[in-house]
PDB file of all heavy atoms in Angstrom:
ATOM      1  N   ASP A   1       0.848  -1.198  -0.008  1.00  0.00           N
ATOM      2  CA  ASP A   1       0.010  -0.013   0.027  1.00  0.00           C
ATOM      3  C   ASP A   1       0.848   1.281  -0.006  1.00  0.00           C
ATOM      4  O   ASP A   1       0.542   2.233  -0.644  1.00  0.00           O
ATOM      5  CB  ASP A   1      -0.954   0.013   1.193  1.00  0.00           C
ATOM      6  CG  ASP A   1      -2.100  -0.918   1.038  1.00  0.00           C
ATOM      7  OD1 ASP A   1      -2.388  -1.323  -0.090  1.00  0.00           O
ATOM      8  OD2 ASP A   1      -2.865  -1.138   2.033  1.00  0.00           O
ATOM      9  N   GLU A   2       1.942   1.257   0.789  1.00  0.00           N
ATOM     10  CA  GLU A   2       2.812   2.426   0.849  1.00  0.00           C
ATOM     11  C   GLU A   2       3.582   2.560  -0.492  1.00  0.00           C
ATOM     12  O   GLU A   2       3.795   3.715  -0.981  1.00  0.00           O
ATOM     13  CB  GLU A   2       3.846   2.241   1.971  1.00  0.00           C
ATOM     14  CG  GLU A   2       3.116   2.429   3.369  1.00  0.00           C
ATOM     15  CD  GLU A   2       3.990   2.044   4.513  1.00  0.00           C
ATOM     16  OE1 GLU A   2       4.655   0.989   4.423  1.00  0.00           O
ATOM     17  OE2 GLU A   2       4.006   2.788   5.493  1.00  0.00           O
ATOM     18  N   VAL A   3       3.914   1.477  -1.149  1.00  0.00           N
ATOM     19  CA  VAL A   3       4.612   1.519  -2.483  1.00  0.00           C
ATOM     20  C   VAL A   3       3.651   2.111  -3.506  1.00  0.00           C
ATOM     21  O   VAL A   3       3.960   2.912  -4.317  1.00  0.00           O
ATOM     22  CB  VAL A   3       5.129   0.156  -2.852  1.00  0.00           C
ATOM     23  CG1 VAL A   3       5.639   0.178  -4.361  1.00  0.00           C
ATOM     24  CG2 VAL A   3       6.257  -0.307  -1.948  1.00  0.00           C
ATOM     25  N   LYS A   4       2.374   1.744  -3.381  1.00  0.00           N
ATOM     26  CA  LYS A   4       1.331   2.334  -4.255  1.00  0.00           C
ATOM     27  C   LYS A   4       1.123   3.780  -4.048  1.00  0.00           C
ATOM     28  O   LYS A   4       0.960   4.554  -5.026  1.00  0.00           O
ATOM     29  CB  LYS A   4      -0.003   1.554  -4.127  1.00  0.00           C
ATOM     30  CG  LYS A   4       0.026   0.133  -4.707  1.00  0.00           C
ATOM     31  CD  LYS A   4      -1.258  -0.551  -4.475  1.00  0.00           C
ATOM     32  CE  LYS A   4      -1.156  -1.965  -5.057  1.00  0.00           C
ATOM     33  NZ  LYS A   4      -2.326  -2.800  -4.813  1.00  0.00           N
ATOM     34  N   LYS A   5       1.254   4.287  -2.846  1.00  0.00           N
ATOM     35  CA  LYS A   5       1.159   5.676  -2.514  1.00  0.00           C
ATOM     36  C   LYS A   5       2.352   6.394  -3.173  1.00  0.00           C
ATOM     37  O   LYS A   5       2.187   7.512  -3.743  1.00  0.00           O
ATOM     38  CB  LYS A   5       1.224   5.888  -0.988  1.00  0.00           C
ATOM     39  CG  LYS A   5      -0.084   5.567  -0.259  1.00  0.00           C
ATOM     40  CD  LYS A   5       0.075   5.877   1.241  1.00  0.00           C
ATOM     41  CE  LYS A   5      -1.165   5.365   1.960  1.00  0.00           C
ATOM     42  NZ  LYS A   5      -0.916   5.477   3.416  1.00  0.00           N
ATOM     43  N   ALA A   6       3.545   5.832  -3.069  1.00  0.00           N
ATOM     44  CA  ALA A   6       4.747   6.378  -3.662  1.00  0.00           C
ATOM     45  C   ALA A   6       4.610   6.480  -5.200  1.00  0.00           C
ATOM     46  O   ALA A   6       4.871   7.436  -5.853  1.00  0.00           O
ATOM     47  CB  ALA A   6       5.961   5.574  -3.340  1.00  0.00           C
ATOM     48  N   PHE A   7       3.986   5.418  -5.770  1.00  0.00           N
ATOM     49  CA  PHE A   7       3.711   5.404  -7.229  1.00  0.00           C
ATOM     50  C   PHE A   7       2.817   6.593  -7.642  1.00  0.00           C
ATOM     51  O   PHE A   7       3.088   7.268  -8.592  1.00  0.00           O
ATOM     52  CB  PHE A   7       3.092   4.077  -7.643  1.00  0.00           C
ATOM     53  CG  PHE A   7       2.692   4.069  -9.114  1.00  0.00           C
ATOM     54  CD1 PHE A   7       3.531   3.609 -10.042  1.00  0.00           C
ATOM     55  CD2 PHE A   7       1.405   4.423  -9.513  1.00  0.00           C
ATOM     56  CE1 PHE A   7       3.231   3.538 -11.426  1.00  0.00           C
ATOM     57  CE2 PHE A   7       1.071   4.394 -10.856  1.00  0.00           C
ATOM     58  CZ  PHE A   7       1.961   3.985 -11.809  1.00  0.00           C
ATOM     59  N   ALA A   8       1.791   6.799  -6.848  1.00  0.00           N
ATOM     60  CA  ALA A   8       0.806   7.837  -7.125  1.00  0.00           C
ATOM     61  C   ALA A   8       1.470   9.220  -7.070  1.00  0.00           C
ATOM     62  O   ALA A   8       1.095  10.118  -7.809  1.00  0.00           O
ATOM     63  CB  ALA A   8      -0.411   7.781  -6.163  1.00  0.00           C
ATOM     64  N   ILE A   9       2.447   9.413  -6.201  1.00  0.00           N
ATOM     65  CA  ILE A   9       3.192  10.611  -6.088  1.00  0.00           C
ATOM     66  C   ILE A   9       4.059  10.873  -7.288  1.00  0.00           C
ATOM     67  O   ILE A   9       4.088  11.943  -7.900  1.00  0.00           O
ATOM     68  CB  ILE A   9       4.034  10.690  -4.790  1.00  0.00           C
ATOM     69  CG1 ILE A   9       3.109  10.769  -3.604  1.00  0.00           C
ATOM     70  CG2 ILE A   9       4.990  11.921  -4.850  1.00  0.00           C
ATOM     71  CD1 ILE A   9       3.850  10.512  -2.298  1.00  0.00           C
ATOM     72  N   ILE A  10       4.725   9.827  -7.805  1.00  0.00           N
ATOM     73  CA  ILE A  10       5.646   9.870  -8.912  1.00  0.00           C
ATOM     74  C   ILE A  10       4.889  10.008 -10.240  1.00  0.00           C
ATOM     75  O   ILE A  10       5.391  10.586 -11.165  1.00  0.00           O
ATOM     76  CB  ILE A  10       6.580   8.629  -8.895  1.00  0.00           C
ATOM     77  CG1 ILE A  10       7.430   8.657  -7.596  1.00  0.00           C
ATOM     78  CG2 ILE A  10       7.419   8.601 -10.088  1.00  0.00           C
ATOM     79  CD1 ILE A  10       8.068   7.371  -7.153  1.00  0.00           C
ATOM     80  N   ASP A  11       3.651   9.393 -10.311  1.00  0.00           N
ATOM     81  CA  ASP A  11       2.848   9.523 -11.521  1.00  0.00           C
ATOM     82  C   ASP A  11       2.184  10.888 -11.543  1.00  0.00           C
ATOM     83  O   ASP A  11       1.062  11.096 -11.218  1.00  0.00           O
ATOM     84  CB  ASP A  11       1.764   8.439 -11.438  1.00  0.00           C
ATOM     85  CG  ASP A  11       0.789   8.498 -12.625  1.00  0.00           C
ATOM     86  OD1 ASP A  11       1.120   9.150 -13.621  1.00  0.00           O
ATOM     87  OD2 ASP A  11      -0.304   7.983 -12.499  1.00  0.00           O
ATOM     88  N   GLN A  12       3.019  11.892 -11.941  1.00  0.00           N
ATOM     89  CA  GLN A  12       2.623  13.337 -11.855  1.00  0.00           C
ATOM     90  C   GLN A  12       1.368  13.641 -12.640  1.00  0.00           C
ATOM     91  O   GLN A  12       0.606  14.492 -12.230  1.00  0.00           O
ATOM     92  CB  GLN A  12       3.803  14.177 -12.332  1.00  0.00           C
ATOM     93  CG  GLN A  12       5.007  14.140 -11.472  1.00  0.00           C
ATOM     94  CD  GLN A  12       4.858  14.968 -10.207  1.00  0.00           C
ATOM     95  OE1 GLN A  12       4.500  16.127 -10.300  1.00  0.00           O
ATOM     96  NE2 GLN A  12       5.155  14.346  -9.042  1.00  0.00           N
ATOM     97  N   ASP A  13       1.182  12.993 -13.755  1.00  0.00           N
ATOM     98  CA  ASP A  13       0.003  13.342 -14.586  1.00  0.00           C
ATOM     99  C   ASP A  13      -1.169  12.440 -14.325  1.00  0.00           C
ATOM    100  O   ASP A  13      -2.224  12.522 -15.004  1.00  0.00           O
ATOM    101  CB  ASP A  13       0.364  13.315 -16.119  1.00  0.00           C
ATOM    102  CG  ASP A  13       0.768  11.968 -16.608  1.00  0.00           C
ATOM    103  OD1 ASP A  13       0.779  10.982 -15.783  1.00  0.00           O
ATOM    104  OD2 ASP A  13       1.134  11.812 -17.789  1.00  0.00           O
ATOM    105  N   ASN A  14      -1.113  11.565 -13.275  1.00  0.00           N
ATOM    106  CA  ASN A  14      -2.176  10.731 -12.920  1.00  0.00           C
ATOM    107  C   ASN A  14      -2.679   9.827 -14.036  1.00  0.00           C
ATOM    108  O   ASN A  14      -3.907   9.540 -14.077  1.00  0.00           O
ATOM    109  CB  ASN A  14      -3.323  11.502 -12.283  1.00  0.00           C
ATOM    110  CG  ASN A  14      -2.882  12.251 -11.042  1.00  0.00           C
ATOM    111  OD1 ASN A  14      -2.274  11.681 -10.157  1.00  0.00           O
ATOM    112  ND2 ASN A  14      -3.183  13.515 -10.980  1.00  0.00           N
ATOM    113  N   SER A  15      -1.845   9.421 -14.844  1.00  0.00           N
ATOM    114  CA  SER A  15      -2.221   8.546 -16.011  1.00  0.00           C
ATOM    115  C   SER A  15      -2.287   7.109 -15.674  1.00  0.00           C
ATOM    116  O   SER A  15      -2.778   6.259 -16.423  1.00  0.00           O
ATOM    117  CB  SER A  15      -1.178   8.723 -17.138  1.00  0.00           C
ATOM    118  OG  SER A  15       0.061   8.123 -16.743  1.00  0.00           O
ATOM    119  N   GLY A  16      -1.817   6.751 -14.437  1.00  0.00           N
ATOM    120  CA  GLY A  16      -1.764   5.337 -14.079  1.00  0.00           C
ATOM    121  C   GLY A  16      -0.476   4.649 -14.498  1.00  0.00           C
ATOM    122  O   GLY A  16      -0.240   3.471 -14.285  1.00  0.00           O
ATOM    123  N   PHE A  17       0.408   5.498 -15.062  1.00  0.00           N
ATOM    124  CA  PHE A  17       1.721   4.972 -15.512  1.00  0.00           C
ATOM    125  C   PHE A  17       2.863   6.019 -15.248  1.00  0.00           C
ATOM    126  O   PHE A  17       2.462   7.235 -15.182  1.00  0.00           O
ATOM    127  CB  PHE A  17       1.761   4.712 -17.034  1.00  0.00           C
ATOM    128  CG  PHE A  17       0.763   3.647 -17.427  1.00  0.00           C
ATOM    129  CD1 PHE A  17      -0.475   3.944 -17.856  1.00  0.00           C
ATOM    130  CD2 PHE A  17       1.182   2.298 -17.342  1.00  0.00           C
ATOM    131  CE1 PHE A  17      -1.379   2.944 -18.197  1.00  0.00           C
ATOM    132  CE2 PHE A  17       0.286   1.255 -17.694  1.00  0.00           C
ATOM    133  CZ  PHE A  17      -0.943   1.595 -18.150  1.00  0.00           C
ATOM    134  N   ILE A  18       4.032   5.533 -15.151  1.00  0.00           N
ATOM    135  CA  ILE A  18       5.210   6.437 -14.965  1.00  0.00           C
ATOM    136  C   ILE A  18       5.821   6.431 -16.303  1.00  0.00           C
ATOM    137  O   ILE A  18       6.402   5.376 -16.730  1.00  0.00           O
ATOM    138  CB  ILE A  18       6.124   6.085 -13.850  1.00  0.00           C
ATOM    139  CG1 ILE A  18       5.408   6.047 -12.485  1.00  0.00           C
ATOM    140  CG2 ILE A  18       7.367   7.013 -13.781  1.00  0.00           C
ATOM    141  CD1 ILE A  18       6.271   5.443 -11.341  1.00  0.00           C
ATOM    142  N   GLU A  19       5.786   7.503 -17.024  1.00  0.00           N
ATOM    143  CA  GLU A  19       6.411   7.588 -18.352  1.00  0.00           C
ATOM    144  C   GLU A  19       7.817   8.096 -18.274  1.00  0.00           C
ATOM    145  O   GLU A  19       8.275   8.573 -17.230  1.00  0.00           O
ATOM    146  CB  GLU A  19       5.579   8.568 -19.291  1.00  0.00           C
ATOM    147  CG  GLU A  19       4.195   8.015 -19.637  1.00  0.00           C
ATOM    148  CD  GLU A  19       3.096   8.372 -18.648  1.00  0.00           C
ATOM    149  OE1 GLU A  19       3.347   9.196 -17.799  1.00  0.00           O
ATOM    150  OE2 GLU A  19       2.031   7.833 -18.763  1.00  0.00           O
ATOM    151  N   GLU A  20       8.531   8.084 -19.351  1.00  0.00           N
ATOM    152  CA  GLU A  20       9.978   8.455 -19.475  1.00  0.00           C
ATOM    153  C   GLU A  20      10.161   9.873 -18.924  1.00  0.00           C
ATOM    154  O   GLU A  20      11.150  10.067 -18.136  1.00  0.00           O
ATOM    155  CB  GLU A  20      10.446   8.295 -20.869  1.00  0.00           C
ATOM    156  CG  GLU A  20      11.963   8.465 -20.974  1.00  0.00           C
ATOM    157  CD  GLU A  20      12.550   8.038 -22.327  1.00  0.00           C
ATOM    158  OE1 GLU A  20      11.892   7.387 -23.123  1.00  0.00           O
ATOM    159  OE2 GLU A  20      13.712   8.402 -22.480  1.00  0.00           O
ATOM    160  N   ASP A  21       9.359  10.851 -19.249  1.00  0.00           N
ATOM    161  CA  ASP A  21       9.530  12.219 -18.782  1.00  0.00           C
ATOM    162  C   ASP A  21       9.426  12.338 -17.311  1.00  0.00           C
ATOM    163  O   ASP A  21      10.095  13.086 -16.650  1.00  0.00           O
ATOM    164  CB  ASP A  21       8.676  13.173 -19.532  1.00  0.00           C
ATOM    165  CG  ASP A  21       7.125  12.919 -19.371  1.00  0.00           C
ATOM    166  OD1 ASP A  21       6.794  11.758 -19.202  1.00  0.00           O
ATOM    167  OD2 ASP A  21       6.342  13.836 -19.449  1.00  0.00           O
ATOM    168  N   GLU A  22       8.535  11.488 -16.730  1.00  0.00           N
ATOM    169  CA  GLU A  22       8.324  11.487 -15.241  1.00  0.00           C
ATOM    170  C   GLU A  22       9.542  10.765 -14.580  1.00  0.00           C
ATOM    171  O   GLU A  22       9.990  11.205 -13.472  1.00  0.00           O
ATOM    172  CB  GLU A  22       7.087  10.756 -14.906  1.00  0.00           C
ATOM    173  CG  GLU A  22       5.768  11.579 -15.252  1.00  0.00           C
ATOM    174  CD  GLU A  22       4.491  10.789 -15.153  1.00  0.00           C
ATOM    175  OE1 GLU A  22       4.436   9.605 -15.514  1.00  0.00           O
ATOM    176  OE2 GLU A  22       3.559  11.416 -14.721  1.00  0.00           O
ATOM    177  N   LEU A  23      10.085   9.792 -15.258  1.00  0.00           N
ATOM    178  CA  LEU A  23      11.286   9.107 -14.701  1.00  0.00           C
ATOM    179  C   LEU A  23      12.462  10.032 -14.674  1.00  0.00           C
ATOM    180  O   LEU A  23      13.252   9.985 -13.762  1.00  0.00           O
ATOM    181  CB  LEU A  23      11.603   7.837 -15.501  1.00  0.00           C
ATOM    182  CG  LEU A  23      10.907   6.563 -15.203  1.00  0.00           C
ATOM    183  CD1 LEU A  23      11.355   5.450 -16.121  1.00  0.00           C
ATOM    184  CD2 LEU A  23      10.992   6.197 -13.777  1.00  0.00           C
ATOM    185  N   LYS A  24      12.611  10.854 -15.673  1.00  0.00           N
ATOM    186  CA  LYS A  24      13.816  11.785 -15.816  1.00  0.00           C
ATOM    187  C   LYS A  24      13.751  12.652 -14.552  1.00  0.00           C
ATOM    188  O   LYS A  24      14.830  12.988 -14.034  1.00  0.00           O
ATOM    189  CB  LYS A  24      13.684  12.616 -17.028  1.00  0.00           C
ATOM    190  CG  LYS A  24      14.885  13.479 -17.246  1.00  0.00           C
ATOM    191  CD  LYS A  24      15.005  13.887 -18.658  1.00  0.00           C
ATOM    192  CE  LYS A  24      16.368  14.534 -18.979  1.00  0.00           C
ATOM    193  NZ  LYS A  24      17.497  13.638 -18.933  1.00  0.00           N
ATOM    194  N   LEU A  25      12.572  13.077 -14.077  1.00  0.00           N
ATOM    195  CA  LEU A  25      12.469  13.943 -12.879  1.00  0.00           C
ATOM    196  C   LEU A  25      12.161  13.215 -11.587  1.00  0.00           C
ATOM    197  O   LEU A  25      11.777  13.730 -10.627  1.00  0.00           O
ATOM    198  CB  LEU A  25      11.396  14.951 -13.211  1.00  0.00           C
ATOM    199  CG  LEU A  25      11.602  15.815 -14.470  1.00  0.00           C
ATOM    200  CD1 LEU A  25      10.374  16.703 -14.688  1.00  0.00           C
ATOM    201  CD2 LEU A  25      12.841  16.548 -14.432  1.00  0.00           C
ATOM    202  N   PHE A  26      12.450  11.860 -11.648  1.00  0.00           N
ATOM    203  CA  PHE A  26      12.125  10.976 -10.504  1.00  0.00           C
ATOM    204  C   PHE A  26      12.654  11.519  -9.177  1.00  0.00           C
ATOM    205  O   PHE A  26      11.876  11.575  -8.172  1.00  0.00           O
ATOM    206  CB  PHE A  26      12.751   9.598 -10.818  1.00  0.00           C
ATOM    207  CG  PHE A  26      12.674   8.660  -9.700  1.00  0.00           C
ATOM    208  CD1 PHE A  26      11.437   8.017  -9.405  1.00  0.00           C
ATOM    209  CD2 PHE A  26      13.724   8.387  -8.893  1.00  0.00           C
ATOM    210  CE1 PHE A  26      11.362   7.082  -8.338  1.00  0.00           C
ATOM    211  CE2 PHE A  26      13.634   7.471  -7.854  1.00  0.00           C
ATOM    212  CZ  PHE A  26      12.416   6.837  -7.634  1.00  0.00           C
ATOM    213  N   LEU A  27      13.886  11.894  -9.158  1.00  0.00           N
ATOM    214  CA  LEU A  27      14.486  12.376  -7.867  1.00  0.00           C
ATOM    215  C   LEU A  27      13.861  13.614  -7.249  1.00  0.00           C
ATOM    216  O   LEU A  27      13.808  13.787  -6.097  1.00  0.00           O
ATOM    217  CB  LEU A  27      16.022  12.565  -8.008  1.00  0.00           C
ATOM    218  CG  LEU A  27      16.832  11.340  -8.413  1.00  0.00           C
ATOM    219  CD1 LEU A  27      18.257  11.666  -8.617  1.00  0.00           C
ATOM    220  CD2 LEU A  27      16.705  10.216  -7.337  1.00  0.00           C
ATOM    221  N   GLN A  28      13.358  14.421  -8.193  1.00  0.00           N
ATOM    222  CA  GLN A  28      12.661  15.657  -7.751  1.00  0.00           C
ATOM    223  C   GLN A  28      11.404  15.416  -7.031  1.00  0.00           C
ATOM    224  O   GLN A  28      10.823  16.348  -6.436  1.00  0.00           O
ATOM    225  CB  GLN A  28      12.502  16.617  -8.916  1.00  0.00           C
ATOM    226  CG  GLN A  28      13.894  17.056  -9.428  1.00  0.00           C
ATOM    227  CD  GLN A  28      13.758  17.819 -10.744  1.00  0.00           C
ATOM    228  OE1 GLN A  28      12.720  18.088 -11.223  1.00  0.00           O
ATOM    229  NE2 GLN A  28      14.985  18.090 -11.336  1.00  0.00           N
TER     230      GLN A  28
END
């Protein structure tokens, strides 16, 4: 559940996926 919360934070555009542009800014 906590990993899913982290995913939701990283999925900036709320598409249900982390795309390459979101990965590039992952650390931010």
